[in-house]
């Protein structure tokens, strides 16, 4: 019995190592140009030059910082394009609502699979909401949401759905994180503020 336990433990550890090594390709998020980004980028470059900041030489590599995206931005990560469409509050109904001191933040998202192969989407594994105190917020199963961000997404297909979190009434800013590779290191970070929530 003891030998069987050790063999199972070793097999599980080996499986995790193989998965971690096999999916260690880093997927950096890259913004998808939707027309507005180009104008915004030119304005930011003009402001940087006006402030006397040093221009980056063509042969120099710029420092990589975690880019933070906004509601409405589309981000390409590997073979997936991800968009946060909007955010809204849900107050519940007469039977179920948020706990006292909390509210439900519902985020509407779209995921498009650009590859020819299907991929699995999991709201519990691929998404996280971090508040301004750097705490992760819990998913809310009681909120009224449309669609879901779970299941098999076929090649060339699009999935749209909402994901809800229970957040403190005291907080007004969050980071919504999309991380499509379970053992990868790339993630898209979206800034969401209370002012943007409908």
C-alpha atoms as a PDB file:
ATOM      1  CA  UNK A   1       0.000   0.000   0.000  1.00  0.00           C
ATOM      2  CA  UNK A   2       2.861   2.375   0.871  1.00  0.00           C
ATOM      3  CA  UNK A   3       4.685   1.595  -2.377  1.00  0.00           C
ATOM      4  CA  UNK A   4       1.502   2.244  -4.358  1.00  0.00           C
ATOM      5  CA  UNK A   5       1.159   5.679  -2.700  1.00  0.00           C
ATOM      6  CA  UNK A   6       4.747   6.599  -3.553  1.00  0.00           C
ATOM      7  CA  UNK A   7       4.318   5.500  -7.160  1.00  0.00           C
ATOM      8  CA  UNK A   8       1.133   7.574  -7.524  1.00  0.00           C
ATOM      9  CA  UNK A   9       2.817  10.599  -5.928  1.00  0.00           C
ATOM     10  CA  UNK A  10       5.808  10.310  -8.258  1.00  0.00           C
ATOM     11  CA  UNK A  11       3.526   9.978 -11.302  1.00  0.00           C
ATOM     12  CA  UNK A  12       1.528  13.067 -10.317  1.00  0.00           C
ATOM     13  CA  UNK A  13       4.718  15.110  -9.796  1.00  0.00           C
ATOM     14  CA  UNK A  14       6.085  13.941 -13.162  1.00  0.00           C
ATOM     15  CA  UNK A  15       2.812  14.865 -14.868  1.00  0.00           C
ATOM     16  CA  UNK A  16       2.930  18.400 -13.451  1.00  0.00           C
ATOM     17  CA  UNK A  17       6.568  18.789 -14.494  1.00  0.00           C
ATOM     18  CA  UNK A  18       5.822  17.654 -18.043  1.00  0.00           C
ATOM     19  CA  UNK A  19       2.862  20.035 -18.263  1.00  0.00           C
ATOM     20  CA  UNK A  20       4.892  22.917 -16.833  1.00  0.00           C
ATOM     21  CA  UNK A  21       7.816  22.363 -19.192  1.00  0.00           C
ATOM     22  CA  UNK A  22       5.596  21.764 -22.221  1.00  0.00           C
ATOM     23  CA  UNK A  23       3.583  24.941 -21.742  1.00  0.00           C
ATOM     24  CA  UNK A  24       6.332  27.243 -20.504  1.00  0.00           C
ATOM     25  CA  UNK A  25       6.226  29.310 -23.695  1.00  0.00           C
ATOM     26  CA  UNK A  26       5.631  32.841 -22.552  1.00  0.00           C
ATOM     27  CA  UNK A  27       2.658  34.483 -24.217  1.00  0.00           C
ATOM     28  CA  UNK A  28       3.055  38.249 -24.075  1.00  0.00           C
ATOM     29  CA  UNK A  29      -0.169  40.163 -24.574  1.00  0.00           C
ATOM     30  CA  UNK A  30      -0.179  42.443 -27.589  1.00  0.00           C
ATOM     31  CA  UNK A  31      -2.809  45.045 -28.277  1.00  0.00           C
ATOM     32  CA  UNK A  32      -4.870  44.585 -31.401  1.00  0.00           C
ATOM     33  CA  UNK A  33      -5.127  47.747 -33.496  1.00  0.00           C
ATOM     34  CA  UNK A  34      -8.716  48.889 -33.717  1.00  0.00           C
ATOM     35  CA  UNK A  35      -7.995  52.344 -35.153  1.00  0.00           C
ATOM     36  CA  UNK A  36      -8.140  54.317 -31.898  1.00  0.00           C
ATOM     37  CA  UNK A  37      -4.926  52.819 -30.555  1.00  0.00           C
ATOM     38  CA  UNK A  38      -2.816  54.368 -33.326  1.00  0.00           C
ATOM     39  CA  UNK A  39      -4.082  57.899 -32.640  1.00  0.00           C
ATOM     40  CA  UNK A  40      -3.678  57.434 -28.887  1.00  0.00           C
ATOM     41  CA  UNK A  41      -0.136  56.095 -29.321  1.00  0.00           C
ATOM     42  CA  UNK A  42       0.848  59.067 -31.520  1.00  0.00           C
ATOM     43  CA  UNK A  43      -0.502  61.498 -28.912  1.00  0.00           C
ATOM     44  CA  UNK A  44       1.460  59.736 -26.166  1.00  0.00           C
ATOM     45  CA  UNK A  45       4.640  59.849 -28.254  1.00  0.00           C
ATOM     46  CA  UNK A  46       4.181  63.578 -28.923  1.00  0.00           C
ATOM     47  CA  UNK A  47       3.674  64.220 -25.196  1.00  0.00           C
ATOM     48  CA  UNK A  48       6.807  62.233 -24.350  1.00  0.00           C
ATOM     49  CA  UNK A  49       8.877  64.267 -26.818  1.00  0.00           C
ATOM     50  CA  UNK A  50       7.435  67.533 -25.490  1.00  0.00           C
ATOM     51  CA  UNK A  51       8.433  66.575 -21.959  1.00  0.00           C
ATOM     52  CA  UNK A  52      12.004  66.026 -23.109  1.00  0.00           C
ATOM     53  CA  UNK A  53      12.083  62.296 -22.547  1.00  0.00           C
ATOM     54  CA  UNK A  54      14.861  60.441 -24.332  1.00  0.00           C
ATOM     55  CA  UNK A  55      13.821  58.785 -27.599  1.00  0.00           C
ATOM     56  CA  UNK A  56      14.599  55.089 -27.862  1.00  0.00           C
ATOM     57  CA  UNK A  57      17.225  54.354 -30.490  1.00  0.00           C
ATOM     58  CA  UNK A  58      16.217  51.926 -33.243  1.00  0.00           C
ATOM     59  CA  UNK A  59      18.746  49.303 -32.155  1.00  0.00           C
ATOM     60  CA  UNK A  60      17.868  49.519 -28.446  1.00  0.00           C
ATOM     61  CA  UNK A  61      15.258  47.267 -26.875  1.00  0.00           C
ATOM     62  CA  UNK A  62      12.691  49.117 -24.751  1.00  0.00           C
ATOM     63  CA  UNK A  63      12.245  47.916 -21.171  1.00  0.00           C
ATOM     64  CA  UNK A  64       9.375  45.456 -20.893  1.00  0.00           C
ATOM     65  CA  UNK A  65       6.799  46.528 -18.346  1.00  0.00           C
ATOM     66  CA  UNK A  66       3.443  44.945 -17.708  1.00  0.00           C
ATOM     67  CA  UNK A  67       1.122  46.817 -20.041  1.00  0.00           C
ATOM     68  CA  UNK A  68      -2.262  47.561 -18.532  1.00  0.00           C
ATOM     69  CA  UNK A  69      -5.255  47.593 -20.863  1.00  0.00           C
ATOM     70  CA  UNK A  70      -8.631  49.317 -20.565  1.00  0.00           C
ATOM     71  CA  UNK A  71     -12.242  48.313 -21.102  1.00  0.00           C
ATOM     72  CA  UNK A  72     -12.810  48.019 -24.855  1.00  0.00           C
ATOM     73  CA  UNK A  73      -9.215  47.032 -25.683  1.00  0.00           C
ATOM     74  CA  UNK A  74      -8.636  43.798 -27.598  1.00  0.00           C
ATOM     75  CA  UNK A  75      -5.523  41.838 -26.680  1.00  0.00           C
ATOM     76  CA  UNK A  76      -3.973  38.974 -28.665  1.00  0.00           C
ATOM     77  CA  UNK A  77      -2.298  36.250 -26.622  1.00  0.00           C
ATOM     78  CA  UNK A  78      -1.035  33.315 -28.629  1.00  0.00           C
ATOM     79  CA  UNK A  79      -3.967  32.151 -30.731  1.00  0.00           C
ATOM     80  CA  UNK A  80      -6.623  33.922 -28.637  1.00  0.00           C
ATOM     81  CA  UNK A  81      -7.999  37.450 -28.907  1.00  0.00           C
ATOM     82  CA  UNK A  82      -9.569  38.707 -25.697  1.00  0.00           C
ATOM     83  CA  UNK A  83     -11.743  41.789 -25.158  1.00  0.00           C
ATOM     84  CA  UNK A  84     -13.310  43.233 -22.014  1.00  0.00           C
ATOM     85  CA  UNK A  85     -16.508  44.737 -23.449  1.00  0.00           C
ATOM     86  CA  UNK A  86     -17.995  46.367 -20.354  1.00  0.00           C
ATOM     87  CA  UNK A  87     -18.522  46.128 -16.607  1.00  0.00           C
ATOM     88  CA  UNK A  88     -21.719  46.574 -14.608  1.00  0.00           C
ATOM     89  CA  UNK A  89     -23.145  46.174 -11.115  1.00  0.00           C
ATOM     90  CA  UNK A  90     -25.691  43.502 -10.204  1.00  0.00           C
ATOM     91  CA  UNK A  91     -27.731  44.057  -7.034  1.00  0.00           C
ATOM     92  CA  UNK A  92     -29.381  40.647  -7.016  1.00  0.00           C
ATOM     93  CA  UNK A  93     -33.088  40.024  -6.578  1.00  0.00           C
ATOM     94  CA  UNK A  94     -35.555  39.447  -3.748  1.00  0.00           C
ATOM     95  CA  UNK A  95     -34.156  35.970  -3.062  1.00  0.00           C
ATOM     96  CA  UNK A  96     -30.423  36.452  -3.442  1.00  0.00           C
ATOM     97  CA  UNK A  97     -28.075  39.414  -3.280  1.00  0.00           C
ATOM     98  CA  UNK A  98     -24.539  40.341  -2.275  1.00  0.00           C
ATOM     99  CA  UNK A  99     -23.539  40.057   1.383  1.00  0.00           C
ATOM    100  CA  UNK A 100     -23.651  43.216   3.477  1.00  0.00           C
ATOM    101  CA  UNK A 101     -20.703  45.484   2.658  1.00  0.00           C
ATOM    102  CA  UNK A 102     -20.211  43.835  -0.726  1.00  0.00           C
ATOM    103  CA  UNK A 103     -21.520  44.206  -4.267  1.00  0.00           C
ATOM    104  CA  UNK A 104     -21.391  42.117  -7.419  1.00  0.00           C
ATOM    105  CA  UNK A 105     -19.153  43.320 -10.245  1.00  0.00           C
ATOM    106  CA  UNK A 106     -20.102  41.677 -13.561  1.00  0.00           C
ATOM    107  CA  UNK A 107     -17.555  41.811 -16.406  1.00  0.00           C
ATOM    108  CA  UNK A 108     -18.626  41.147 -20.016  1.00  0.00           C
ATOM    109  CA  UNK A 109     -15.882  39.547 -22.163  1.00  0.00           C
ATOM    110  CA  UNK A 110     -15.336  38.123 -25.637  1.00  0.00           C
ATOM    111  CA  UNK A 111     -12.763  35.456 -26.535  1.00  0.00           C
ATOM    112  CA  UNK A 112     -11.968  34.568 -30.155  1.00  0.00           C
ATOM    113  CA  UNK A 113      -9.963  31.467 -31.069  1.00  0.00           C
ATOM    114  CA  UNK A 114      -7.793  32.359 -34.081  1.00  0.00           C
ATOM    115  CA  UNK A 115      -6.362  28.852 -34.513  1.00  0.00           C
ATOM    116  CA  UNK A 116      -7.771  25.830 -36.323  1.00  0.00           C
ATOM    117  CA  UNK A 117      -7.770  23.747 -33.130  1.00  0.00           C
ATOM    118  CA  UNK A 118     -10.222  23.899 -30.254  1.00  0.00           C
ATOM    119  CA  UNK A 119      -9.158  25.079 -26.817  1.00  0.00           C
ATOM    120  CA  UNK A 120     -10.684  24.835 -23.347  1.00  0.00           C
ATOM    121  CA  UNK A 121     -11.833  27.982 -21.551  1.00  0.00           C
ATOM    122  CA  UNK A 122     -12.254  28.031 -17.763  1.00  0.00           C
ATOM    123  CA  UNK A 123     -13.454  31.083 -15.845  1.00  0.00           C
ATOM    124  CA  UNK A 124     -12.072  29.665 -12.601  1.00  0.00           C
ATOM    125  CA  UNK A 125      -8.599  28.922 -13.988  1.00  0.00           C
ATOM    126  CA  UNK A 126      -8.000  31.731 -16.501  1.00  0.00           C
ATOM    127  CA  UNK A 127      -9.441  34.811 -14.778  1.00  0.00           C
ATOM    128  CA  UNK A 128      -8.790  36.713 -11.569  1.00  0.00           C
ATOM    129  CA  UNK A 129      -9.904  40.048 -10.128  1.00  0.00           C
ATOM    130  CA  UNK A 130      -7.463  41.828  -7.811  1.00  0.00           C
ATOM    131  CA  UNK A 131      -8.557  44.803  -5.697  1.00  0.00           C
ATOM    132  CA  UNK A 132      -6.538  47.907  -4.814  1.00  0.00           C
ATOM    133  CA  UNK A 133      -5.221  46.182  -1.677  1.00  0.00           C
ATOM    134  CA  UNK A 134      -3.896  43.338  -3.888  1.00  0.00           C
ATOM    135  CA  UNK A 135      -6.427  40.750  -2.683  1.00  0.00           C
ATOM    136  CA  UNK A 136      -8.042  38.306  -5.076  1.00  0.00           C
ATOM    137  CA  UNK A 137     -11.842  38.539  -5.153  1.00  0.00           C
ATOM    138  CA  UNK A 138     -14.198  35.556  -5.107  1.00  0.00           C
ATOM    139  CA  UNK A 139     -16.360  34.552  -8.042  1.00  0.00           C
ATOM    140  CA  UNK A 140     -20.048  35.193  -7.433  1.00  0.00           C
ATOM    141  CA  UNK A 141     -22.318  32.357  -8.454  1.00  0.00           C
ATOM    142  CA  UNK A 142     -25.465  34.248  -7.399  1.00  0.00           C
ATOM    143  CA  UNK A 143     -25.177  37.192  -9.785  1.00  0.00           C
ATOM    144  CA  UNK A 144     -27.378  37.363 -12.862  1.00  0.00           C
ATOM    145  CA  UNK A 145     -25.016  36.847 -15.809  1.00  0.00           C
ATOM    146  CA  UNK A 146     -25.514  36.273 -19.525  1.00  0.00           C
ATOM    147  CA  UNK A 147     -23.565  33.486 -21.164  1.00  0.00           C
ATOM    148  CA  UNK A 148     -20.539  31.951 -19.562  1.00  0.00           C
ATOM    149  CA  UNK A 149     -16.816  31.797 -20.151  1.00  0.00           C
ATOM    150  CA  UNK A 150     -16.455  28.056 -19.756  1.00  0.00           C
ATOM    151  CA  UNK A 151     -16.237  25.157 -22.154  1.00  0.00           C
ATOM    152  CA  UNK A 152     -14.674  24.135 -25.422  1.00  0.00           C
ATOM    153  CA  UNK A 153     -14.002  26.943 -27.924  1.00  0.00           C
ATOM    154  CA  UNK A 154     -13.617  25.554 -31.437  1.00  0.00           C
ATOM    155  CA  UNK A 155     -11.094  26.806 -33.967  1.00  0.00           C
ATOM    156  CA  UNK A 156     -12.198  30.065 -35.583  1.00  0.00           C
ATOM    157  CA  UNK A 157     -15.062  30.422 -33.100  1.00  0.00           C
ATOM    158  CA  UNK A 158     -15.990  33.239 -30.692  1.00  0.00           C
ATOM    159  CA  UNK A 159     -17.339  32.978 -27.144  1.00  0.00           C
ATOM    160  CA  UNK A 160     -18.978  35.832 -25.228  1.00  0.00           C
ATOM    161  CA  UNK A 161     -20.074  35.745 -21.635  1.00  0.00           C
ATOM    162  CA  UNK A 162     -20.077  37.463 -18.276  1.00  0.00           C
ATOM    163  CA  UNK A 163     -18.129  36.641 -15.152  1.00  0.00           C
ATOM    164  CA  UNK A 164     -19.169  38.027 -11.751  1.00  0.00           C
ATOM    165  CA  UNK A 165     -17.126  38.767  -8.646  1.00  0.00           C
ATOM    166  CA  UNK A 166     -18.114  39.680  -5.110  1.00  0.00           C
ATOM    167  CA  UNK A 167     -16.213  42.883  -4.240  1.00  0.00           C
ATOM    168  CA  UNK A 168     -16.072  45.150  -1.197  1.00  0.00           C
ATOM    169  CA  UNK A 169     -18.098  48.379  -1.301  1.00  0.00           C
ATOM    170  CA  UNK A 170     -14.971  50.130   0.022  1.00  0.00           C
ATOM    171  CA  UNK A 171     -12.947  49.427  -3.121  1.00  0.00           C
ATOM    172  CA  UNK A 172     -13.101  51.446  -6.323  1.00  0.00           C
ATOM    173  CA  UNK A 173     -10.294  50.060  -8.520  1.00  0.00           C
ATOM    174  CA  UNK A 174      -9.488  46.560  -9.711  1.00  0.00           C
ATOM    175  CA  UNK A 175      -7.199  44.664 -12.044  1.00  0.00           C
ATOM    176  CA  UNK A 176      -8.944  42.012 -14.120  1.00  0.00           C
ATOM    177  CA  UNK A 177      -6.417  39.388 -15.195  1.00  0.00           C
ATOM    178  CA  UNK A 178      -6.731  37.009 -18.144  1.00  0.00           C
ATOM    179  CA  UNK A 179      -4.129  34.224 -18.165  1.00  0.00           C
ATOM    180  CA  UNK A 180      -4.853  31.690 -20.926  1.00  0.00           C
ATOM    181  CA  UNK A 181      -1.926  29.340 -20.239  1.00  0.00           C
ATOM    182  CA  UNK A 182      -2.307  27.462 -16.963  1.00  0.00           C
ATOM    183  CA  UNK A 183       1.439  26.993 -16.504  1.00  0.00           C
ATOM    184  CA  UNK A 184       2.526  29.882 -18.736  1.00  0.00           C
ATOM    185  CA  UNK A 185       3.715  33.273 -17.634  1.00  0.00           C
ATOM    186  CA  UNK A 186       1.863  35.663 -19.935  1.00  0.00           C
ATOM    187  CA  UNK A 187      -1.191  37.527 -18.771  1.00  0.00           C
ATOM    188  CA  UNK A 188      -3.316  40.454 -19.924  1.00  0.00           C
ATOM    189  CA  UNK A 189      -4.154  42.951 -17.184  1.00  0.00           C
ATOM    190  CA  UNK A 190      -7.180  45.240 -17.523  1.00  0.00           C
ATOM    191  CA  UNK A 191      -7.686  48.250 -15.233  1.00  0.00           C
ATOM    192  CA  UNK A 192     -11.294  48.689 -14.117  1.00  0.00           C
ATOM    193  CA  UNK A 193     -12.386  51.645 -12.004  1.00  0.00           C
ATOM    194  CA  UNK A 194     -15.714  52.313 -10.326  1.00  0.00           C
ATOM    195  CA  UNK A 195     -16.324  55.227 -12.736  1.00  0.00           C
ATOM    196  CA  UNK A 196     -16.325  52.824 -15.712  1.00  0.00           C
ATOM    197  CA  UNK A 197     -18.811  50.393 -14.182  1.00  0.00           C
ATOM    198  CA  UNK A 198     -22.374  50.926 -15.438  1.00  0.00           C
END
